C-alpha cells in the first residue's frame, strides 16, 4: 500500500489511503465529482449535505441497475449453456 493520496471531493480535500492505488483513487474522485456536478446542474441550489446524499443515491441506483443487468446476463448465459449442453449430448447419443 502506498502513502496517502490527496483527493478533492465536493470541493473538500481528503487524504486517503487505499490498496486501490493513486490513479484508481483519482479516477473514483473524478467519477464522484462528475456525478455531483451533474446533480448540482439539474437540482439547483442544495446544501452540501443534500447534494452528497443525492449523489450517493444516484451512484447507488446506478450500481444496483448494473448489478441487476449483470445477474440477468449471467442467467441468460447459464440458460444458453444449458441448452447447448443438451444439444451436444443429443448429438453425442445419435453418433455411432
N, C-alpha and C. Protein backbone atom coordinates (compact mmCIF):
# COMPACT_ATOMS: atom_id res chain seq x y z
N UNK A 1 0.84 -1.17 0.00
CA UNK A 1 0.00 0.00 0.00
C UNK A 1 0.89 1.24 0.00
N UNK A 2 0.60 2.15 -0.91
CA UNK A 2 1.37 3.39 -1.00
C UNK A 2 0.91 4.34 0.10
N UNK A 3 1.56 5.50 0.15
CA UNK A 3 1.19 6.51 1.12
C UNK A 3 -0.15 7.15 0.79
N UNK A 4 -0.60 8.03 1.65
CA UNK A 4 -1.90 8.67 1.41
C UNK A 4 -1.89 9.54 0.15
N UNK A 5 -3.06 9.64 -0.44
CA UNK A 5 -3.25 10.42 -1.66
C UNK A 5 -4.22 11.55 -1.34
N UNK A 6 -3.86 12.76 -1.78
CA UNK A 6 -4.73 13.91 -1.56
C UNK A 6 -5.78 13.94 -2.67
N UNK A 7 -7.04 13.83 -2.29
CA UNK A 7 -8.16 13.79 -3.23
C UNK A 7 -9.12 14.91 -2.90
N UNK A 8 -9.69 15.52 -3.92
CA UNK A 8 -10.67 16.58 -3.71
C UNK A 8 -12.05 16.06 -4.14
N UNK A 9 -12.99 16.06 -3.20
CA UNK A 9 -14.37 15.63 -3.45
C UNK A 9 -15.29 16.64 -2.82
N UNK A 10 -16.31 17.05 -3.55
CA UNK A 10 -17.26 18.06 -3.06
C UNK A 10 -16.54 19.32 -2.59
N UNK A 11 -15.53 19.72 -3.32
CA UNK A 11 -14.76 20.92 -3.02
C UNK A 11 -14.02 20.86 -1.68
N UNK A 12 -13.81 19.66 -1.17
CA UNK A 12 -13.03 19.46 0.06
C UNK A 12 -11.90 18.49 -0.23
N UNK A 13 -10.76 18.74 0.40
CA UNK A 13 -9.63 17.84 0.21
C UNK A 13 -9.60 16.79 1.32
N UNK A 14 -9.25 15.58 0.91
CA UNK A 14 -9.14 14.46 1.84
C UNK A 14 -7.84 13.72 1.55
N UNK A 15 -7.25 13.19 2.59
CA UNK A 15 -6.11 12.31 2.45
C UNK A 15 -6.63 10.89 2.58
N UNK A 16 -6.48 10.10 1.52
CA UNK A 16 -6.99 8.74 1.51
C UNK A 16 -5.86 7.75 1.33
N UNK A 17 -5.98 6.64 2.01
CA UNK A 17 -5.05 5.53 1.85
C UNK A 17 -5.86 4.33 1.40
N UNK A 18 -5.38 3.68 0.35
CA UNK A 18 -6.13 2.56 -0.17
C UNK A 18 -5.20 1.62 -0.91
N UNK A 19 -5.59 0.37 -0.98
CA UNK A 19 -4.84 -0.60 -1.77
C UNK A 19 -5.14 -0.44 -3.26
N UNK A 20 -6.12 0.38 -3.58
CA UNK A 20 -6.50 0.62 -4.98
C UNK A 20 -5.41 1.30 -5.78
N UNK A 21 -4.60 2.08 -5.15
CA UNK A 21 -3.57 2.83 -5.86
C UNK A 21 -4.02 4.25 -6.18
N UNK A 22 -3.06 5.11 -6.37
CA UNK A 22 -3.33 6.53 -6.55
C UNK A 22 -4.21 6.81 -7.78
N UNK A 23 -3.88 6.23 -8.91
CA UNK A 23 -4.64 6.52 -10.13
C UNK A 23 -6.09 6.08 -9.99
N UNK A 24 -6.30 4.93 -9.37
CA UNK A 24 -7.68 4.43 -9.17
C UNK A 24 -8.45 5.37 -8.24
N UNK A 25 -7.81 5.85 -7.18
CA UNK A 25 -8.48 6.79 -6.28
C UNK A 25 -8.84 8.08 -7.01
N UNK A 26 -7.94 8.54 -7.85
CA UNK A 26 -8.23 9.77 -8.62
C UNK A 26 -9.37 9.54 -9.61
N UNK A 27 -9.41 8.36 -10.21
CA UNK A 27 -10.49 8.02 -11.13
C UNK A 27 -11.83 8.01 -10.40
N UNK A 28 -11.86 7.43 -9.22
CA UNK A 28 -13.09 7.40 -8.42
C UNK A 28 -13.51 8.81 -8.03
N UNK A 29 -12.55 9.62 -7.62
CA UNK A 29 -12.86 11.01 -7.24
C UNK A 29 -13.43 11.77 -8.44
N UNK A 30 -12.87 11.58 -9.63
CA UNK A 30 -13.39 12.24 -10.83
C UNK A 30 -14.83 11.80 -11.10
N UNK A 31 -15.08 10.51 -10.92
CA UNK A 31 -16.42 9.98 -11.14
C UNK A 31 -17.41 10.61 -10.16
N UNK A 32 -17.06 10.61 -8.87
CA UNK A 32 -17.95 11.18 -7.84
C UNK A 32 -18.18 12.66 -8.10
N UNK A 33 -17.12 13.38 -8.40
CA UNK A 33 -17.26 14.81 -8.68
C UNK A 33 -18.12 15.06 -9.93
N UNK A 34 -17.96 14.22 -10.94
CA UNK A 34 -18.77 14.37 -12.16
C UNK A 34 -20.24 14.14 -11.86
N UNK A 35 -20.54 13.12 -11.06
CA UNK A 35 -21.93 12.84 -10.68
C UNK A 35 -22.48 13.99 -9.84
N UNK A 36 -21.65 14.52 -8.96
CA UNK A 36 -22.04 15.66 -8.13
C UNK A 36 -22.36 16.88 -9.00
N UNK A 37 -21.50 17.16 -9.96
CA UNK A 37 -21.72 18.30 -10.86
C UNK A 37 -23.00 18.13 -11.68
N UNK A 38 -23.24 16.90 -12.12
CA UNK A 38 -24.44 16.59 -12.89
C UNK A 38 -25.70 16.85 -12.05
N UNK A 39 -25.69 16.42 -10.82
CA UNK A 39 -26.85 16.62 -9.94
C UNK A 39 -27.01 18.09 -9.59
N UNK A 40 -25.90 18.74 -9.32
CA UNK A 40 -25.94 20.17 -8.99
C UNK A 40 -26.54 20.98 -10.15
N UNK A 41 -26.21 20.61 -11.37
CA UNK A 41 -26.71 21.33 -12.55
C UNK A 41 -28.21 21.11 -12.74
N UNK A 42 -28.70 19.92 -12.36
CA UNK A 42 -30.11 19.60 -12.56
C UNK A 42 -30.99 19.92 -11.36
N UNK A 43 -30.41 20.02 -10.18
CA UNK A 43 -31.22 20.19 -8.97
C UNK A 43 -31.20 21.61 -8.42
N UNK A 44 -30.35 22.44 -8.95
CA UNK A 44 -30.28 23.81 -8.45
C UNK A 44 -29.53 23.90 -7.14
N UNK A 45 -29.93 24.86 -6.32
CA UNK A 45 -29.24 25.11 -5.06
C UNK A 45 -29.61 24.05 -4.03
N UNK A 46 -28.60 23.37 -3.53
CA UNK A 46 -28.77 22.37 -2.48
C UNK A 46 -27.70 22.58 -1.42
N UNK A 47 -28.03 22.20 -0.21
CA UNK A 47 -26.98 22.23 0.80
C UNK A 47 -25.97 21.15 0.44
N UNK A 48 -24.79 21.28 0.97
CA UNK A 48 -23.74 20.31 0.70
C UNK A 48 -24.16 18.90 1.14
N UNK A 49 -24.83 18.82 2.26
CA UNK A 49 -25.28 17.52 2.77
C UNK A 49 -26.31 16.90 1.83
N UNK A 50 -27.28 17.67 1.39
CA UNK A 50 -28.29 17.14 0.47
C UNK A 50 -27.66 16.74 -0.86
N UNK A 51 -26.72 17.53 -1.32
CA UNK A 51 -26.03 17.20 -2.56
C UNK A 51 -25.26 15.89 -2.41
N UNK A 52 -24.58 15.70 -1.28
CA UNK A 52 -23.84 14.47 -1.03
C UNK A 52 -24.79 13.27 -0.96
N UNK A 53 -25.93 13.43 -0.31
CA UNK A 53 -26.89 12.33 -0.20
C UNK A 53 -27.48 11.99 -1.56
N UNK A 54 -27.87 13.01 -2.32
CA UNK A 54 -28.41 12.76 -3.67
C UNK A 54 -27.37 12.08 -4.56
N UNK A 55 -26.13 12.53 -4.46
CA UNK A 55 -25.07 11.92 -5.25
C UNK A 55 -24.90 10.45 -4.86
N UNK A 56 -24.89 10.18 -3.56
CA UNK A 56 -24.77 8.79 -3.10
C UNK A 56 -25.93 7.94 -3.60
N UNK A 57 -27.15 8.48 -3.56
CA UNK A 57 -28.31 7.73 -4.05
C UNK A 57 -28.23 7.47 -5.55
N UNK A 58 -27.79 8.44 -6.30
CA UNK A 58 -27.66 8.25 -7.75
C UNK A 58 -26.60 7.20 -8.07
N UNK A 59 -25.48 7.26 -7.37
CA UNK A 59 -24.42 6.27 -7.61
C UNK A 59 -24.92 4.88 -7.19
N UNK A 60 -25.60 4.80 -6.05
CA UNK A 60 -26.15 3.50 -5.60
C UNK A 60 -27.19 2.98 -6.59
N UNK A 61 -28.01 3.85 -7.12
CA UNK A 61 -29.02 3.45 -8.10
C UNK A 61 -28.36 2.89 -9.35
N UNK A 62 -27.32 3.57 -9.83
CA UNK A 62 -26.57 3.08 -10.99
C UNK A 62 -25.96 1.72 -10.69
N UNK A 63 -25.40 1.58 -9.49
CA UNK A 63 -24.77 0.33 -9.09
C UNK A 63 -25.79 -0.81 -9.09
N UNK A 64 -26.94 -0.59 -8.46
CA UNK A 64 -27.95 -1.65 -8.40
C UNK A 64 -28.51 -1.98 -9.77
N UNK A 65 -28.62 -0.99 -10.65
CA UNK A 65 -29.08 -1.26 -12.02
C UNK A 65 -28.06 -2.14 -12.75
N UNK A 66 -26.79 -1.81 -12.63
CA UNK A 66 -25.74 -2.63 -13.26
C UNK A 66 -25.69 -4.03 -12.67
N UNK A 67 -25.89 -4.12 -11.37
CA UNK A 67 -25.90 -5.43 -10.70
C UNK A 67 -27.07 -6.28 -11.23
N UNK A 68 -28.23 -5.65 -11.40
CA UNK A 68 -29.40 -6.35 -11.94
C UNK A 68 -29.13 -6.82 -13.37
N UNK A 69 -28.57 -5.95 -14.18
CA UNK A 69 -28.24 -6.30 -15.56
C UNK A 69 -27.21 -7.42 -15.61
N UNK A 70 -26.25 -7.40 -14.71
CA UNK A 70 -25.24 -8.46 -14.66
C UNK A 70 -25.88 -9.80 -14.31
N UNK A 71 -26.80 -9.79 -13.35
CA UNK A 71 -27.49 -11.03 -12.97
C UNK A 71 -28.34 -11.56 -14.12
N UNK A 72 -29.03 -10.66 -14.84
CA UNK A 72 -29.82 -11.08 -16.00
C UNK A 72 -28.91 -11.68 -17.08
N UNK A 73 -27.77 -11.04 -17.30
CA UNK A 73 -26.81 -11.54 -18.29
C UNK A 73 -26.30 -12.92 -17.88
N UNK A 74 -25.99 -13.08 -16.61
CA UNK A 74 -25.50 -14.35 -16.09
C UNK A 74 -26.55 -15.45 -16.27
N UNK A 75 -27.81 -15.14 -15.94
CA UNK A 75 -28.89 -16.12 -16.14
C UNK A 75 -29.05 -16.48 -17.61
N UNK A 76 -28.95 -15.48 -18.47
CA UNK A 76 -29.06 -15.71 -19.92
C UNK A 76 -27.95 -16.64 -20.39
N UNK A 77 -26.73 -16.39 -19.96
CA UNK A 77 -25.59 -17.24 -20.34
C UNK A 77 -25.78 -18.66 -19.81
N UNK A 78 -26.24 -18.79 -18.57
CA UNK A 78 -26.46 -20.12 -18.00
C UNK A 78 -27.54 -20.87 -18.77
N UNK A 79 -28.60 -20.19 -19.15
CA UNK A 79 -29.67 -20.82 -19.92
C UNK A 79 -29.15 -21.27 -21.27
N UNK A 80 -28.39 -20.42 -21.94
CA UNK A 80 -27.83 -20.78 -23.24
C UNK A 80 -26.85 -21.94 -23.13
N UNK A 81 -26.01 -21.92 -22.10
CA UNK A 81 -25.05 -23.01 -21.90
C UNK A 81 -25.78 -24.32 -21.64
N UNK A 82 -26.83 -24.27 -20.85
CA UNK A 82 -27.63 -25.47 -20.56
C UNK A 82 -28.25 -26.02 -21.85
N UNK A 83 -28.79 -25.12 -22.67
CA UNK A 83 -29.39 -25.51 -23.94
C UNK A 83 -28.33 -26.15 -24.86
N UNK A 84 -27.17 -25.50 -24.97
CA UNK A 84 -26.09 -26.03 -25.81
C UNK A 84 -25.59 -27.38 -25.31
N UNK A 85 -25.50 -27.54 -24.00
CA UNK A 85 -25.08 -28.83 -23.45
C UNK A 85 -26.07 -29.93 -23.84
N UNK A 86 -27.37 -29.63 -23.79
CA UNK A 86 -28.38 -30.60 -24.21
C UNK A 86 -28.23 -30.95 -25.68
N UNK A 87 -27.96 -29.94 -26.50
CA UNK A 87 -27.78 -30.20 -27.92
C UNK A 87 -26.55 -31.08 -28.16
N UNK A 88 -25.47 -30.80 -27.48
CA UNK A 88 -24.25 -31.59 -27.63
C UNK A 88 -24.50 -33.03 -27.17
N UNK A 89 -25.18 -33.20 -26.06
CA UNK A 89 -25.50 -34.54 -25.57
C UNK A 89 -26.39 -35.29 -26.55
N UNK A 90 -27.34 -34.60 -27.15
CA UNK A 90 -28.24 -35.22 -28.12
C UNK A 90 -27.46 -35.67 -29.36
N UNK A 91 -26.53 -34.85 -29.81
CA UNK A 91 -25.71 -35.21 -30.96
C UNK A 91 -24.82 -36.40 -30.62
N UNK A 92 -24.29 -36.40 -29.39
CA UNK A 92 -23.44 -37.50 -28.96
C UNK A 92 -24.19 -38.82 -28.89
N UNK A 93 -25.45 -38.79 -28.54
CA UNK A 93 -26.26 -40.01 -28.47
C UNK A 93 -26.59 -40.55 -29.85
N UNK A 94 -26.71 -39.63 -30.82
CA UNK A 94 -27.05 -40.03 -32.18
C UNK A 94 -25.83 -40.54 -32.95
N UNK A 95 -24.63 -40.26 -32.47
CA UNK A 95 -23.40 -40.68 -33.16
C UNK A 95 -23.07 -42.13 -32.82
N UNK A 96 -22.48 -42.86 -33.77
CA UNK A 96 -22.11 -44.27 -33.51
C UNK A 96 -20.94 -44.39 -32.57
